[in-house]
Protein backbone atom coordinates (compact mmCIF):
# COMPACT_ATOMS: atom_id res chain seq x y z
CA UNK A 1 20.50 0.36 13.07
CA UNK A 2 19.31 2.74 10.36
CA UNK A 3 22.04 4.82 8.73
CA UNK A 4 21.41 8.55 8.67
CA UNK A 5 22.36 10.08 5.36
CA UNK A 6 23.06 13.62 4.25
CA UNK A 7 21.41 15.01 1.15
CA UNK A 8 22.69 18.18 -0.45
CA UNK A 9 20.64 19.80 -3.17
CA UNK A 10 20.09 23.32 -4.50
CA UNK A 11 18.24 26.04 -2.67
CA UNK A 12 15.47 28.36 -3.90
CA UNK A 13 12.89 26.78 -6.26
CA UNK A 14 12.10 23.10 -5.67
CA UNK A 15 11.83 20.81 -8.68
CA UNK A 16 10.24 17.40 -8.97
CA UNK A 17 13.49 15.69 -9.97
CA UNK A 18 15.43 16.66 -6.84
CA UNK A 19 12.38 16.16 -4.61
CA UNK A 20 11.64 12.66 -5.91
CA UNK A 21 15.33 11.72 -5.80
CA UNK A 22 15.34 12.64 -2.12
CA UNK A 23 12.07 10.77 -1.61
CA UNK A 24 13.61 7.58 -3.04
CA UNK A 25 16.51 7.81 -0.61
CA UNK A 26 14.16 8.54 2.27
CA UNK A 27 12.27 5.30 1.55
CA UNK A 28 15.53 3.36 1.82
CA UNK A 29 17.33 5.13 4.66
CA UNK A 30 14.37 6.72 6.49
CA UNK A 31 16.62 9.12 8.41
CA UNK A 32 17.82 11.90 6.12
CA UNK A 33 19.25 15.36 6.69
CA UNK A 34 18.79 17.81 3.84
CA UNK A 35 21.02 20.82 3.17
CA UNK A 36 19.92 23.17 0.40
CA UNK A 37 22.74 25.27 -1.00
CA UNK A 38 24.76 26.10 -4.11
CA UNK A 39 27.83 27.13 -2.11
CA UNK A 40 30.77 25.66 -4.05
CA UNK A 41 32.93 25.23 -0.95
CA UNK A 42 30.23 23.14 0.71
CA UNK A 43 29.70 21.08 -2.45
CA UNK A 44 33.44 20.40 -2.82
CA UNK A 45 33.78 19.37 0.82
CA UNK A 46 30.78 17.05 0.52
CA UNK A 47 31.93 15.33 -2.69
CA UNK A 48 32.65 11.70 -1.88
CA UNK A 49 31.96 12.17 1.84
CA UNK A 50 30.55 9.07 3.58
CA UNK A 51 26.75 8.72 3.57
CA UNK A 52 26.40 11.92 1.57
CA UNK A 53 24.46 12.39 -1.66
CA UNK A 54 24.69 15.41 -3.96
CA UNK A 55 21.42 15.76 -5.87
CA UNK A 56 20.97 18.12 -8.82
CA UNK A 57 24.11 20.05 -7.88
CA UNK A 58 27.87 19.64 -8.23
CA UNK A 59 28.15 19.24 -11.99
CA UNK A 60 29.02 15.53 -11.89
CA UNK A 61 27.37 12.15 -12.27
CA UNK A 62 29.29 9.45 -10.43
CA UNK A 63 27.12 6.85 -8.73
CA UNK A 64 30.03 5.36 -6.75
CA UNK A 65 30.61 8.72 -5.08
CA UNK A 66 26.86 9.40 -4.81
CA UNK A 67 26.98 12.38 -7.17
CA UNK A 68 23.78 12.75 -9.17
CA UNK A 69 23.76 15.87 -11.29
CA UNK A 70 22.76 16.20 -14.96
CA UNK A 71 23.57 19.85 -15.69
CA UNK A 72 27.13 19.24 -16.88
CA UNK A 73 27.79 19.88 -20.61
CA UNK A 74 27.68 16.17 -21.49
CA UNK A 75 24.51 15.63 -19.48
CA UNK A 76 23.89 12.30 -17.76
CA UNK A 77 22.85 10.15 -20.69
CA UNK A 78 19.60 8.85 -22.11
CA UNK A 79 17.45 5.82 -21.44
CA UNK A 80 17.56 5.17 -25.20
CA UNK A 81 21.09 6.18 -26.16
CA UNK A 82 20.66 5.33 -29.84
CA UNK A 83 17.71 7.67 -30.38
CA UNK A 84 18.52 10.23 -27.70
CA UNK A 85 15.09 9.79 -26.14
CA UNK A 86 14.12 10.11 -22.48
CA UNK A 87 17.11 11.94 -20.96
CA UNK A 88 18.13 11.32 -17.37
CA UNK A 89 17.70 13.96 -14.69
CA UNK A 90 18.42 13.51 -11.00
CA UNK A 91 15.29 11.50 -10.14
CA UNK A 92 15.99 8.99 -12.90
CA UNK A 93 19.65 8.64 -11.98
CA UNK A 94 18.86 7.89 -8.35
CA UNK A 95 16.05 5.52 -9.36
CA UNK A 96 18.40 3.76 -11.79
CA UNK A 97 20.86 2.96 -9.01
CA UNK A 98 18.61 2.78 -5.93
CA UNK A 99 15.17 1.88 -7.24
CA UNK A 100 15.59 -1.83 -6.53
CA UNK A 101 16.62 -1.07 -2.95
CA UNK A 102 13.53 1.10 -2.48
CA UNK A 103 11.21 -1.64 -3.77
CA UNK A 104 12.97 -4.28 -1.65
CA UNK A 105 12.65 -2.06 1.42
CA UNK A 106 8.88 -1.91 0.97
CA UNK A 107 8.37 -5.49 -0.25
CA UNK A 108 11.22 -7.69 1.05
CA UNK A 109 9.47 -10.95 0.12
CA UNK A 110 9.48 -10.30 -3.63
CA UNK A 111 11.98 -12.15 -5.80
CA UNK A 112 14.59 -10.36 -7.93
CA UNK A 113 12.59 -10.71 -11.15
CA UNK A 114 9.49 -9.13 -9.63
CA UNK A 115 11.52 -6.32 -8.08
CA UNK A 116 13.11 -5.51 -11.43
CA UNK A 117 9.71 -5.51 -13.12
CA UNK A 118 8.45 -2.96 -10.60
CA UNK A 119 11.58 -0.82 -11.00
CA UNK A 120 11.08 -0.75 -14.77
CA UNK A 121 7.37 -0.01 -14.46
CA UNK A 122 7.88 2.91 -12.07
CA UNK A 123 10.54 4.39 -14.33
CA UNK A 124 8.41 4.07 -17.46
CA UNK A 125 5.18 5.30 -15.86
CA UNK A 126 6.45 7.98 -13.45
CA UNK A 127 10.14 8.81 -13.21
CA UNK A 128 11.05 9.28 -16.86
CA UNK A 129 8.32 11.92 -17.22
CA UNK A 130 9.72 13.86 -14.26
CA UNK A 131 13.16 13.72 -15.88
CA UNK A 132 11.83 14.77 -19.28
CA UNK A 133 10.14 17.89 -17.91
CA UNK A 134 13.27 18.87 -15.98
CA UNK A 135 15.36 18.45 -19.15
CA UNK A 136 13.05 20.70 -21.15
CA UNK A 137 11.27 17.99 -23.13
CA UNK A 138 7.67 18.91 -23.91
CA UNK A 139 5.29 16.29 -22.50
CA UNK A 140 1.57 16.33 -23.25
CA UNK A 141 -0.58 15.41 -20.25
CA UNK A 142 -4.31 15.30 -19.60
CA UNK A 143 -3.87 17.51 -16.55
CA UNK A 144 -1.19 18.85 -14.22
CA UNK A 145 1.94 16.70 -14.29
CA UNK A 146 3.74 15.53 -11.16
CA UNK A 147 6.35 18.17 -11.94
CA UNK A 148 3.68 20.88 -12.03
CA UNK A 149 2.12 19.64 -8.80
CA UNK A 150 5.48 19.75 -7.01
CA UNK A 151 6.20 23.16 -8.50
CA UNK A 152 2.91 24.51 -7.15
CA UNK A 153 4.35 24.32 -3.62
CA UNK A 154 6.92 27.03 -4.38
CA UNK A 155 5.96 30.38 -2.81
CA UNK A 156 4.32 32.89 -5.13
CA UNK A 157 5.84 36.33 -5.70
CA UNK A 158 3.57 37.89 -3.06
CA UNK A 159 4.45 35.35 -0.37
CA UNK A 160 7.44 35.21 1.91
CA UNK A 161 10.14 32.70 1.05
CA UNK A 162 9.65 29.41 2.83
CA UNK A 163 11.61 26.17 2.69
CA UNK A 164 8.99 23.78 1.38
CA UNK A 165 11.48 21.04 0.52
CA UNK A 166 10.84 18.85 3.61
CA UNK A 167 7.11 18.96 2.93
CA UNK A 168 7.34 18.00 -0.74
CA UNK A 169 10.06 15.41 -0.06
CA UNK A 170 7.66 13.66 2.31
CA UNK A 171 4.92 13.96 -0.29
CA UNK A 172 7.20 12.43 -2.92
CA UNK A 173 8.02 9.56 -0.57
CA UNK A 174 4.33 8.87 0.00
CA UNK A 175 3.55 9.01 -3.73
CA UNK A 176 6.44 6.73 -4.65
CA UNK A 177 5.51 4.30 -1.90
CA UNK A 178 1.96 4.15 -3.25
CA UNK A 179 3.14 3.72 -6.86
CA UNK A 180 5.40 0.86 -5.81
CA UNK A 181 2.74 -0.72 -3.59
CA UNK A 182 0.13 -0.58 -6.35
CA UNK A 183 2.29 -2.39 -8.92
CA UNK A 184 3.64 -4.83 -6.33
CA UNK A 185 0.01 -5.70 -5.58
CA UNK A 186 -0.52 -6.58 -9.24
CA UNK A 187 2.56 -8.78 -9.27
CA UNK A 188 1.56 -10.61 -6.09
CA UNK A 189 -2.05 -11.12 -7.24
CA UNK A 190 -1.28 -12.88 -10.52
CA UNK A 191 -1.06 -16.43 -9.17
CA UNK A 192 -4.17 -15.89 -7.02
CA UNK A 193 -6.15 -14.80 -10.08
CA UNK A 194 -4.87 -17.76 -12.10
CA UNK A 195 -5.91 -20.15 -9.33
CA UNK A 196 -9.42 -18.70 -8.90
CA UNK A 197 -12.52 -20.67 -9.84
CA UNK A 198 -14.25 -20.30 -13.20
CA UNK A 199 -17.85 -21.32 -13.84
CA UNK A 200 -20.38 -21.33 -16.68
CA UNK A 201 -18.02 -23.07 -19.11
CA UNK A 202 -15.13 -20.85 -18.06
CA UNK A 203 -16.95 -17.63 -18.98
CA UNK A 204 -17.25 -16.27 -15.42
CA UNK A 205 -14.28 -15.86 -13.08
CA UNK A 206 -15.05 -15.82 -9.34
CA UNK A 207 -12.70 -13.96 -7.00
CA UNK A 208 -12.80 -14.26 -3.21
CA UNK A 209 -11.68 -10.63 -2.92
CA UNK A 210 -11.25 -7.67 -5.25
CA UNK A 211 -7.84 -8.45 -6.75
CA UNK A 212 -6.13 -6.61 -9.65
CA UNK A 213 -7.19 -9.15 -12.27
CA UNK A 214 -7.37 -7.31 -15.61
CA UNK A 215 -3.82 -8.04 -16.82
CA UNK A 216 -4.08 -11.82 -16.29
CA UNK A 217 -7.60 -12.07 -17.71
CA UNK A 218 -6.81 -9.95 -20.78
CA UNK A 219 -3.59 -11.79 -21.60
CA UNK A 220 -4.19 -15.35 -20.40
CA UNK A 221 -7.94 -16.03 -20.11
CA UNK A 222 -9.55 -15.28 -23.49
CA UNK A 223 -12.73 -17.19 -22.62
CA UNK A 224 -13.61 -15.19 -19.49
CA UNK A 225 -16.39 -12.67 -20.19
CA UNK A 226 -17.23 -11.50 -16.66
CA UNK A 227 -15.35 -11.27 -13.38
CA UNK A 228 -17.41 -11.44 -10.17
CA UNK A 229 -15.90 -10.15 -6.92
CA UNK A 230 -16.91 -8.59 -3.57
CA UNK A 231 -16.46 -4.94 -2.74
CA UNK A 232 -15.84 -3.81 0.82
CA UNK A 233 -18.46 -3.01 3.38
CA UNK A 234 -18.55 0.62 4.47
CA UNK A 235 -20.29 2.35 7.35
CA UNK A 236 -24.02 2.44 6.76
CA UNK A 237 -23.92 0.14 3.72
CA UNK A 238 -23.96 -3.58 3.15
CA UNK A 239 -21.27 -5.51 1.27
CA UNK A 240 -21.91 -5.84 -2.43
CA UNK A 241 -20.84 -8.16 -5.24
CA UNK A 242 -19.97 -6.69 -8.58
CA UNK A 243 -19.67 -8.13 -12.07
CA UNK A 244 -17.40 -6.44 -14.56
CA UNK A 245 -17.19 -7.16 -18.27
CA UNK A 246 -13.70 -8.04 -19.47
CA UNK A 247 -11.66 -6.57 -22.31
CA UNK A 248 -8.99 -7.91 -24.64
CA UNK A 249 -5.38 -6.76 -24.43
CA UNK A 250 -6.19 -4.08 -27.04
CA UNK A 251 -8.95 -2.79 -24.70
CA UNK A 252 -11.83 -3.90 -26.97
CA UNK A 253 -14.75 -5.20 -24.85
CA UNK A 254 -15.50 -8.91 -25.00
CA UNK A 255 -19.11 -8.38 -23.95
CA UNK A 256 -21.49 -5.72 -22.66
CA UNK A 257 -24.44 -5.93 -20.34
CA UNK A 258 -27.88 -5.77 -22.02
CA UNK A 259 -28.86 -2.30 -23.35
CA UNK A 260 -32.05 -2.11 -21.27
CA UNK A 261 -30.01 -2.43 -18.06
CA UNK A 262 -27.81 0.62 -18.60
CA UNK A 263 -28.23 3.36 -15.98
CA UNK A 264 -30.93 1.54 -14.01
CA UNK A 265 -30.92 0.83 -10.28
CA UNK A 266 -32.72 -1.33 -7.72
CA UNK A 267 -36.39 -1.91 -8.60
CA UNK A 268 -36.11 -0.65 -12.17
CA UNK A 269 -33.06 -2.85 -12.79
CA UNK A 270 -34.61 -5.85 -11.06
CA UNK A 271 -37.63 -5.54 -13.34
CA UNK A 272 -35.63 -5.68 -16.59
CA UNK A 273 -32.93 -8.09 -15.41
CA UNK A 274 -35.08 -10.54 -13.50
CA UNK A 275 -32.66 -10.43 -10.54
CA UNK A 276 -34.26 -9.24 -7.30
CA UNK A 277 -30.92 -8.48 -5.60
CA UNK A 278 -29.72 -6.20 -8.43
CA UNK A 279 -28.31 -2.88 -7.16
CA UNK A 280 -27.12 -0.94 -10.21
CA UNK A 281 -25.86 -1.13 -13.78
CA UNK A 282 -23.44 1.50 -15.08
CA UNK A 283 -24.78 3.44 -18.05
CA UNK A 284 -21.82 2.28 -20.18
CA UNK A 285 -22.88 -1.33 -19.40
CA UNK A 286 -19.45 -2.61 -18.37
CA UNK A 287 -20.19 -2.86 -14.63
CA UNK A 288 -23.09 -3.89 -12.41
CA UNK A 289 -23.69 -4.85 -8.80
CA UNK A 290 -25.90 -7.10 -6.72
CA UNK A 291 -26.44 -7.67 -3.01
CA UNK A 292 -25.22 -11.28 -3.17
CA UNK A 293 -22.65 -13.35 -5.03
CA UNK A 294 -25.45 -15.52 -6.40
CA UNK A 295 -27.22 -12.43 -7.69
CA UNK A 296 -24.11 -11.15 -9.46
CA UNK A 297 -23.51 -14.57 -11.03
CA UNK A 298 -27.13 -14.72 -12.16
CA UNK A 299 -26.83 -11.30 -13.82
CA UNK A 300 -23.62 -12.35 -15.59
CA UNK A 301 -25.25 -15.56 -16.87
CA UNK A 302 -28.31 -13.63 -18.06
CA UNK A 303 -26.09 -11.16 -19.93
CA UNK A 304 -24.15 -13.99 -21.61
CA UNK A 305 -27.38 -15.70 -22.64
CA UNK A 306 -28.73 -12.38 -23.96
CA UNK A 307 -25.70 -11.96 -26.23
CA UNK A 308 -25.94 -15.57 -27.41
CA UNK A 309 -29.62 -15.08 -28.22
CA UNK A 310 -28.89 -11.88 -30.15
CA UNK A 311 -26.17 -13.65 -32.14
CA UNK A 312 -28.55 -16.49 -33.02
CA UNK A 313 -31.12 -13.97 -34.26
CA UNK A 314 -28.51 -12.25 -36.44
CA UNK A 315 -27.38 -15.61 -37.86
């Protein structure tokens, strides 16, 4: 039987740290009741109450009593205590204590080491940035941050007040679930990638399906130059096989497709590549596609031979 929990957080403006903290707990417990208030009598009565979490309110951080605030004078600590970097806000505190439970809820077959890896990855790639913004740390981003996206749901001055917390809590749960699922997929795919067949003197890796392969290939397979894999069939289109050039762990490319292929498709690409099933070649020459696995392999072999021929000419 699923335990229903009570979440108490502040009213008025929603922030990413309290929203994501609630989303974490919703992944674990599923049934949650949210009360949004700053009423001190309610907060005092709720402190330490069974199945009750105080998020971003209450002025205390005590995980045993499920109190997760960071506004008290001493704060709630830092991820790097020595340097005072990456302060904790409510999302990070809840993730610190409940992140492993959330991952285990979604992926119960993972071992403890894999779960901890995912917990660390989600904190370093998502949660610590939410905390930093809430604590007033300036973070440079290429676009709107998660904190800004959550904040955009707050009513504007010309709109009537509306409690958007349930909506954004559900959104946070979906986003966190996807973040966890994506990295769990990488963890679970590693052994499958390692066990996959290599051909052409180990320079081409063949995958039976489109697995997340880049980490294993970059770190453990220095001789692999191309990865060949199928991409899904969609309505009105046939399945396709793609070949992607690999990179080293410092992101430098190991190989590129021939210059005359870049940006060409179908007949034009078939003419210059010699492969009748060729579909496209990306203009940056890191990715190409063919109608068949054999066609994709042929294009990869041709590209490798082209590079070898160019190197012989230079020598």
